[in-house]
Amino acid sequence: MRIIGGTLKRRQLFFPKTFLTRPVTDRAKETIFNILGGRCRSAAVLDLFAGSGSLGIEALSRGALEICFVDSAKAATNCVMRNLKMLTLESSSKVIRMPVLKAIDRLEKKTKSFDLIFLDPPHNKGLIKKVLHRLDHSAIVAPLGCIVVGHSNQEGLPNFLKTLRAERSTKIGQTFVSFLSKAGSL
């Protein structure tokens, strides 16, 4: 696994060697970041279910100012911290080890908001709908924020969201990636 663009292009990343983590392929990252275009520049980014942190680190490589990684698995957060240290990105990053919904509550209490949120949970566990419903009512999504969701074809997006709109969805291999925006920002 490697960084595919930006200032850290071609640098290798560590990833947790566990069945609980599904690394994002280079092809998927390339598609995601081509669609996002320049949205990473100067952005505050949140990487939920971070795994190795490859999506958030890719955003930092492409100009994001700060990133918060969230994962409940010790192996995942240790891997993220290892990657950040190896790439000397600790000063622009924060790693939170706790369940995602609790982390969202904590970030809300700190009145933190994010321009770009990556949401790539374990597939077919019902997590996408729970987290998107929570984000739909959360101030942590910036007014023109974008959420990038990785999901399987068996687990779609919620049918109704109040403030978030599905703008685009694309199939990459066996996975779908959907882009949601707040107030039509894509």
Foldseek 3Di string as FASTA:
>chain_A
DFQCDAPRHPHDADFQPDPQDDDDDPVNLVVVCVVCPLLLAQWEEEEELCGLVRNVVNSVRSHHQAYEYEEQDPSRLVNVVVRCVVVVNVVRYHYDHDHPVVVLVVCQVVVAATQEYEAEHPEPPPVQAVVQQVVLPGSNHDQFHKYKYKYAPVDDYDPDGDFKDWDDWDDDPRIIIIMITGPPND
